[in-house]
Each structure stands twice: as C-alpha cells, then as structure tokens.
Amino acid sequence: MTSPAAPALSIVVPAYNEQEVLPEFHRRLAAALADIGMAWEVVYVNDGSRDTTLEVMLGLQAGDPRAAVVNLSRNFGKEIALTAGLDHARATEAVVVIDADLQDPPEVIPALVAAWREGFDVVYAQRNTREGETWLKKATAAGFYRVMQRLGGKVHLPPDTGDFRLMSRRAVDALLKLREQHRFMKGLFAWIGFPSRAVRYDRAPRAAGTTKWNYWKLWNFSLEGITSFTVAPLKVATYLGLLTAIGAVLYLTQLLVRTALYGNPVAGYPSLLAVVLFLGGVQMMMLGIIGEYLGRIFNETKGRPLYITERYAPSRTEG
C-alpha cells in the first residue's frame, strides 16, 4: 500500500490538556482554510496530556483525513512538542505553527499564506493587542522582548511575536538542523534568518480551559530564553565581579589612609556583616549563572533524543 502524496501545507498544533477547545479549534481551522487553494494537513501533537486530549485528537482524525496525531511518550514541554510536530509535518511547501487555545485565531492563516506567496520564507504574526491578559503579564512580556532585543546581538527577535507563524519548507528544514536540548523556539526562528515580514493581528482571549503558564513558569522560560540565546549574563558576571573588586580596593585604600591619620579603632560589626553578606551574595549569584550554562553543557553532552514518540498516526491528505 502506497502512502498518500504529501500536502502542500502543514499546520502544527502542540497541545497539553486542551480537551475543551480542540473541537472548536478544528472546526474554525477547517473553515478558515476552505478556500486557501492548496492541500493541507493539521498535525496535532499531544504533549503528555492528563485529560482526554489524545482521545479528542484521535476522534478528530477519524472524522477528518487531513488530521494527523503525534502522541509523545510523556510531557516534554511545549518547545519540544513543537519540534516534534515540525519533524512530522509532511508539507512540501510551507508549515504553520499555531497554539490550540484560539488566542491566535486560525482565520489569520490565509493572510500568512498570502504574504508567503509574495516571496517571504517566514511570515510571523505580530500582536496588536493581547486580550484577556492582565496588565502585569503584558508589562513583563514587553520587558522580556526589550531585554532579548538588547541581548540578541545580530539576531533580531521581533517584539510582540509568539510562535504563531508560517515558514517555507526550506526554512523548516534549516530549523530542524538545530537539535539542541534547551530550545528557545522564538530565538531559533529568528536565528535561521531568511526573508521575513510581519502580519498584524489582534490576539483573542483563551477560548476554554486555563493557561498552562503561571508566573513561575514564565520566569523560568525567560531564563531559558536568555541563557539559550546569549552569553550576556556571563559578561555581566565578569563586569560585576570587576566592579566589586574595584570597590573593595577603593574601600581598602580609604581604610589605610584613615588608619594612618586617625589610628585604628575597632570596626563596627553591622558594617562588617553587611560587606560579608554582600560579597557572599554576589559570589552565589555568579556561581548560579555559571551553573546554568554548565548544566546546559551537561545536558547537551548526554546526546539524548529530544523526545520519544508513543505513536504517530499520519494524515490521509492527498497532495
């Protein structure tokens, strides 16, 4: 039995505990792509969900031959699940990445395709608004993008841009050559280059369910992005250590001068304790930064696969 010809377009949808929203997402996706003029498939990636997400995906596939299901053996995290979906995307021309929660509307995909047909390899969806999010989350997100733009060097990370984007087949193939364990996909999307342009859109509130990103996870994700994308924290550690050493030399100099002029009274215990705690805190922080990078080196040297697939049910879309 021969496998069906590959479709022109693949839609990659990583999901974790999204049982409530997946049926509506698939309905809107199919409606949005009804007049797109090219054969397509949607690759649903179940990232070790604890609800009935996998069953819902298999049900969607049973009712629509354009749906494929990749079930990972456990929860590996969104960045890895997204990579797994790209690995299994059979598209010959372009791949779209989108979340299942409907904050990124599937109705924007035709606009991404139209921009790609103008000759751009990467068309990223850039947010006008972020409905349904608190002011604190909006402020921290804006601050994160500003930091990444300053630290990124020659690689430009577009502001107000998530994973929602379209990539040409050659851009996807280039991206899949990058197999590091600690994956900051927004940085990897930007690193590969290729002609790019933005398509503006309004981000909607989550359609159902709850967000999987609390502030602790967002903080760790920010650290992951910074340490995976730049060595600037190591440079900061070096400069901070240098400034601390210069400050210590200046303090020692004035202490010697004061002792020579006015004698050597017993130093106060609070000031001594404050200096010791300050220097100890700086040292621990610097060791923590070095440890973050050392841990990443350790993980890379183990050479483990990024993920393990429990099952893969391909789409039956004819190209």
Protein backbone atom coordinates (compact mmCIF):
# COMPACT_ATOMS: atom_id res chain seq x y z
CA MET A 1 0.00 0.00 0.00
CA THR A 2 1.47 3.36 -1.03
CA SER A 3 1.29 6.34 1.30
CA PRO A 4 -0.71 9.36 0.16
CA ALA A 5 1.15 12.19 -1.52
CA ALA A 6 2.34 14.90 0.83
CA PRO A 7 0.17 18.01 1.14
CA ALA A 8 1.43 21.47 0.27
CA LEU A 9 0.71 22.96 3.71
CA SER A 10 1.00 21.57 7.25
CA ILE A 11 -0.47 23.14 10.37
CA VAL A 12 1.42 22.12 13.53
CA VAL A 13 -0.59 22.32 16.77
CA PRO A 14 1.10 21.34 20.07
CA ALA A 15 -1.37 20.75 22.88
CA TYR A 16 -1.33 19.93 26.59
CA ASN A 17 -4.66 19.39 28.38
CA GLU A 18 -6.74 21.11 25.68
CA GLN A 19 -9.72 18.76 25.52
CA GLU A 20 -12.27 21.58 25.81
CA VAL A 21 -11.03 23.71 22.94
CA LEU A 22 -9.76 21.25 20.31
CA PRO A 23 -13.11 20.50 18.58
CA GLU A 24 -13.85 24.22 18.15
CA PHE A 25 -10.29 24.86 17.03
CA HIS A 26 -10.53 22.18 14.34
CA ARG A 27 -13.89 23.50 13.15
CA ARG A 28 -12.56 27.04 12.80
CA LEU A 29 -9.34 25.85 11.20
CA ALA A 30 -11.17 23.87 8.53
CA ALA A 31 -13.46 26.82 7.82
CA ALA A 32 -10.52 29.24 7.59
CA LEU A 33 -8.66 27.02 5.10
CA ALA A 34 -11.67 26.07 3.00
CA ASP A 35 -10.78 28.50 0.19
CA ILE A 36 -7.00 28.54 0.57
CA GLY A 37 -6.41 26.77 -2.74
CA MET A 38 -3.88 24.17 -1.56
CA ALA A 39 -3.98 20.73 0.02
CA TRP A 40 -3.29 20.84 3.76
CA GLU A 41 -2.96 18.71 6.86
CA VAL A 42 -3.04 19.51 10.57
CA VAL A 43 -0.53 17.78 12.83
CA TYR A 44 -1.81 17.60 16.41
CA VAL A 45 0.91 16.88 18.98
CA ASN A 46 -0.25 15.55 22.35
CA ASP A 47 2.41 16.56 24.87
CA GLY A 48 1.61 14.01 27.58
CA SER A 49 -1.80 15.45 28.43
CA ARG A 50 -3.51 14.16 31.59
CA ASP A 51 -7.05 14.66 30.33
CA THR A 52 -8.78 13.26 27.24
CA THR A 53 -6.83 15.41 24.76
CA LEU A 54 -5.44 12.34 22.98
CA GLU A 55 -8.88 10.78 22.61
CA VAL A 56 -10.25 14.04 21.22
CA MET A 57 -7.38 14.21 18.70
CA LEU A 58 -7.96 10.63 17.57
CA GLY A 59 -11.66 11.40 17.21
CA LEU A 60 -10.87 14.42 15.03
CA GLN A 61 -8.59 12.27 12.90
CA ALA A 62 -11.26 9.61 12.49
CA GLY A 63 -13.65 12.24 11.16
CA ASP A 64 -11.19 14.19 9.02
CA PRO A 65 -8.46 12.54 6.89
CA ARG A 66 -6.49 15.79 6.93
CA ALA A 67 -5.68 15.36 10.65
CA ALA A 68 -2.54 13.64 11.92
CA VAL A 69 -1.76 12.79 15.55
CA VAL A 70 1.65 12.60 17.21
CA ASN A 71 1.48 11.29 20.77
CA LEU A 72 4.61 11.82 22.86
CA SER A 73 5.51 9.25 25.49
CA ARG A 74 5.30 11.87 28.27
CA ASN A 75 5.18 15.62 28.80
CA PHE A 76 8.33 17.12 27.26
CA GLY A 77 7.25 20.77 27.23
CA LYS A 78 5.87 22.99 24.51
CA GLU A 79 9.18 23.75 22.78
CA ILE A 80 9.94 20.05 22.33
CA ALA A 81 6.34 19.26 21.32
CA LEU A 82 6.55 21.97 18.70
CA THR A 83 9.76 20.43 17.37
CA ALA A 84 8.10 17.02 17.23
CA GLY A 85 5.27 18.48 15.16
CA LEU A 86 7.72 20.09 12.74
CA ASP A 87 9.57 16.79 12.44
CA HIS A 88 6.34 15.05 11.40
CA ALA A 89 4.99 17.80 9.13
CA ARG A 90 4.84 16.35 5.60
CA ALA A 91 4.22 19.63 3.78
CA THR A 92 6.14 20.21 0.59
CA GLU A 93 5.77 24.00 0.52
CA ALA A 94 5.04 25.61 3.90
CA VAL A 95 4.32 24.92 7.58
CA VAL A 96 2.23 26.99 10.00
CA VAL A 97 2.75 26.84 13.77
CA ILE A 98 -0.20 27.78 15.98
CA ASP A 99 -1.46 27.09 19.51
CA ALA A 100 -4.73 25.25 20.13
CA ASP A 101 -6.23 27.70 22.66
CA LEU A 102 -7.65 30.03 19.93
CA GLN A 103 -5.84 33.06 21.30
CA ASP A 104 -4.15 33.01 17.90
CA PRO A 105 -7.13 32.90 15.50
CA PRO A 106 -6.90 30.34 12.67
CA GLU A 107 -8.62 32.94 10.48
CA VAL A 108 -5.26 34.77 10.26
CA ILE A 109 -3.62 31.86 8.42
CA PRO A 110 -4.85 32.91 4.93
CA ALA A 111 -3.14 36.28 5.48
CA LEU A 112 0.09 34.46 6.37
CA VAL A 113 -0.21 32.36 3.22
CA ALA A 114 -0.83 35.46 1.10
CA ALA A 115 2.35 37.11 2.44
CA TRP A 116 4.32 33.89 1.85
CA ARG A 117 3.14 33.85 -1.76
CA GLU A 118 4.73 37.28 -2.15
CA GLY A 119 8.11 35.62 -1.71
CA PHE A 120 8.78 35.63 2.03
CA ASP A 121 10.13 32.50 3.72
CA VAL A 122 8.97 33.44 7.22
CA VAL A 123 5.73 35.29 7.93
CA TYR A 124 5.25 35.90 11.66
CA ALA A 125 2.03 37.06 13.27
CA GLN A 126 2.63 40.21 15.32
CA ARG A 127 0.12 41.17 18.00
CA ASN A 128 -1.72 44.48 18.02
CA THR A 129 -3.46 43.70 21.32
CA ARG A 130 -3.35 40.95 23.97
CA GLU A 131 -6.95 40.49 25.09
CA GLY A 132 -7.69 38.52 28.26
CA GLU A 133 -4.28 39.12 29.87
CA THR A 134 -3.50 41.13 33.00
CA TRP A 135 -1.53 44.37 32.88
CA LEU A 136 1.27 42.66 34.80
CA LYS A 137 1.61 39.90 32.22
CA LYS A 138 1.57 42.45 29.39
CA ALA A 139 4.20 44.58 31.13
CA THR A 140 6.51 41.64 31.87
CA ALA A 141 6.13 40.35 28.30
CA ALA A 142 7.06 43.76 26.90
CA GLY A 143 10.05 43.93 29.23
CA PHE A 144 11.20 40.45 28.18
CA TYR A 145 11.12 41.37 24.49
CA ARG A 146 13.09 44.57 25.16
CA VAL A 147 15.73 42.61 27.07
CA MET A 148 16.02 39.99 24.34
CA GLN A 149 16.37 42.66 21.66
CA ARG A 150 19.25 44.24 23.58
CA LEU A 151 20.98 40.92 24.25
CA GLY A 152 20.34 39.28 20.89
CA GLY A 153 23.25 40.92 19.08
CA LYS A 154 22.99 40.26 15.35
CA VAL A 155 19.82 38.19 15.74
CA HIS A 156 16.68 40.33 15.83
CA LEU A 157 13.79 38.99 17.91
CA PRO A 158 10.56 40.70 16.71
CA PRO A 159 8.56 42.30 19.54
CA ASP A 160 5.02 41.15 20.40
CA THR A 161 5.55 37.95 18.44
CA GLY A 162 4.97 34.41 19.67
CA ASP A 163 5.26 31.08 17.91
CA PHE A 164 2.34 31.74 15.53
CA ARG A 165 3.92 31.97 12.08
CA LEU A 166 4.32 30.42 8.64
CA MET A 167 7.64 29.07 7.38
CA SER A 168 8.61 27.88 3.94
CA ARG A 169 9.80 24.31 3.53
CA ARG A 170 13.44 25.39 3.24
CA ALA A 171 13.14 27.48 6.41
CA VAL A 172 11.68 24.50 8.29
CA ASP A 173 14.43 22.22 7.02
CA ALA A 174 17.04 24.73 8.23
CA LEU A 175 15.34 24.99 11.62
CA LEU A 176 15.25 21.22 12.08
CA LYS A 177 19.04 21.07 11.75
CA LEU A 178 19.23 22.80 15.15
CA ARG A 179 18.84 19.97 17.68
CA GLU A 180 19.97 21.48 20.98
CA GLN A 181 18.23 20.18 24.11
CA HIS A 182 17.37 23.58 25.61
CA ARG A 183 15.16 25.02 22.91
CA PHE A 184 14.01 28.62 22.87
CA MET A 185 11.98 28.43 19.67
CA LYS A 186 11.43 32.17 19.27
CA GLY A 187 15.19 32.61 19.22
CA LEU A 188 15.70 29.69 16.83
CA PHE A 189 13.03 31.07 14.48
CA ALA A 190 14.94 34.35 14.35
CA TRP A 191 18.39 32.73 14.15
CA ILE A 192 17.80 30.90 10.85
CA GLY A 193 17.17 34.18 9.05
CA PHE A 194 15.57 34.14 5.55
CA PRO A 195 13.34 36.93 4.13
CA SER A 196 10.64 37.71 6.69
CA ARG A 197 7.72 40.00 7.24
CA ALA A 198 5.04 40.61 9.84
CA VAL A 199 1.27 40.27 9.64
CA ARG A 200 -0.57 42.23 12.34
CA TYR A 201 -3.49 40.72 14.21
CA ASP A 202 -5.49 41.08 17.42
CA ARG A 203 -4.90 38.32 19.94
CA ALA A 204 -8.09 36.94 21.47
CA PRO A 205 -8.73 35.65 25.00
CA ARG A 206 -8.37 31.90 25.61
CA ALA A 207 -11.49 30.14 24.28
CA ALA A 208 -11.69 27.46 27.00
CA GLY A 209 -9.65 25.84 29.73
CA THR A 210 -6.91 27.54 31.72
CA THR A 211 -3.47 28.78 30.78
CA LYS A 212 -0.54 26.45 31.50
CA TRP A 213 1.82 29.41 32.01
CA ASN A 214 1.88 30.78 35.55
CA TYR A 215 4.39 33.45 36.54
CA TRP A 216 6.91 30.93 37.88
CA LYS A 217 6.90 29.03 34.58
CA LEU A 218 7.15 32.29 32.66
CA TRP A 219 10.14 33.32 34.77
CA ASN A 220 11.89 30.00 34.08
CA PHE A 221 11.01 30.31 30.40
CA SER A 222 12.60 33.77 30.35
CA LEU A 223 15.77 32.38 31.92
CA GLU A 224 15.73 29.58 29.37
CA GLY A 225 15.46 32.08 26.54
CA ILE A 226 18.22 34.34 27.83
CA THR A 227 20.72 31.57 28.62
CA SER A 228 19.93 29.65 25.42
CA PHE A 229 20.18 32.68 23.19
CA THR A 230 23.06 34.73 24.57
CA VAL A 231 26.11 34.59 26.85
CA ALA A 232 25.49 38.14 28.07
CA PRO A 233 24.81 37.02 31.70
CA LEU A 234 28.37 35.64 31.85
CA LYS A 235 29.67 39.01 30.70
CA VAL A 236 27.53 40.73 33.33
CA ALA A 237 29.01 38.38 35.95
CA THR A 238 32.52 39.34 34.83
CA TYR A 239 31.82 43.08 34.94
CA LEU A 240 30.02 42.87 38.27
CA GLY A 241 32.94 40.95 39.74
CA LEU A 242 35.33 43.58 38.38
CA LEU A 243 33.29 46.43 39.84
CA THR A 244 33.11 44.66 43.19
CA ALA A 245 36.89 44.20 43.18
CA ILE A 246 37.44 47.87 42.31
CA GLY A 247 35.09 48.88 45.12
CA ALA A 248 36.97 46.67 47.55
CA VAL A 249 40.30 48.23 46.54
CA LEU A 250 38.89 51.74 46.98
CA TYR A 251 37.47 50.83 50.37
CA LEU A 252 40.80 49.32 51.44
CA THR A 253 42.65 52.44 50.28
CA GLN A 254 40.48 54.81 52.29
CA LEU A 255 40.70 52.46 55.28
CA LEU A 256 44.51 52.55 55.17
CA VAL A 257 44.55 56.34 54.82
CA ARG A 258 42.10 56.77 57.71
CA THR A 259 44.08 54.39 59.90
CA ALA A 260 47.33 56.26 59.17
CA LEU A 261 45.75 59.61 60.03
CA TYR A 262 43.38 58.76 62.89
CA GLY A 263 44.50 55.42 64.28
CA ASN A 264 42.77 52.04 64.06
CA PRO A 265 39.53 51.96 66.00
CA VAL A 266 37.58 48.70 66.14
CA ALA A 267 35.29 48.44 63.10
CA GLY A 268 31.56 48.18 63.68
CA TYR A 269 30.03 44.71 63.50
CA PRO A 270 26.95 45.72 61.38
CA SER A 271 29.04 47.27 58.60
CA LEU A 272 31.36 44.24 58.55
CA LEU A 273 28.43 41.85 58.37
CA ALA A 274 26.82 43.88 55.58
CA VAL A 275 30.01 43.71 53.48
CA VAL A 276 30.38 39.96 54.05
CA LEU A 277 26.74 39.29 53.12
CA PHE A 278 27.00 41.49 50.03
CA LEU A 279 30.14 39.77 48.74
CA GLY A 280 28.71 36.34 49.57
CA GLY A 281 25.50 37.13 47.71
CA VAL A 282 27.42 38.35 44.65
CA GLN A 283 29.52 35.19 44.64
CA MET A 284 26.49 32.92 44.93
CA MET A 285 24.72 34.75 42.12
CA MET A 286 27.75 34.45 39.86
CA LEU A 287 28.06 30.74 40.66
CA GLY A 288 24.35 30.34 39.82
CA ILE A 289 24.82 31.96 36.40
CA ILE A 290 27.83 29.78 35.65
CA GLY A 291 25.87 26.75 36.86
CA GLU A 292 23.03 27.49 34.43
CA TYR A 293 25.40 27.36 31.49
CA LEU A 294 27.30 24.37 32.88
CA GLY A 295 24.03 22.46 33.27
CA ARG A 296 23.19 23.11 29.64
CA ILE A 297 26.58 21.79 28.56
CA PHE A 298 25.96 18.67 30.67
CA ASN A 299 22.57 18.07 29.06
CA GLU A 300 23.96 18.51 25.55
CA THR A 301 26.83 16.07 26.10
CA LYS A 302 24.43 13.25 27.05
CA GLY A 303 23.18 13.14 23.47
CA ARG A 304 19.64 12.05 24.36
CA PRO A 305 16.86 12.37 21.75
CA LEU A 306 14.69 15.43 22.11
CA TYR A 307 11.56 13.33 22.57
CA ILE A 308 10.12 9.83 22.24
CA THR A 309 7.00 9.21 20.14
CA GLU A 310 4.49 6.78 21.60
CA ARG A 311 2.51 6.67 18.37
CA TYR A 312 2.16 8.54 15.10
CA ALA A 313 -1.00 8.42 13.02
CA PRO A 314 -0.36 10.31 9.75
CA SER A 315 -2.95 12.25 7.85
CA ARG A 316 -4.53 10.79 4.74
CA THR A 317 -4.47 14.05 2.79
CA GLU A 318 -3.77 13.71 -0.93
CA GLY A 319 -1.38 16.29 -2.31
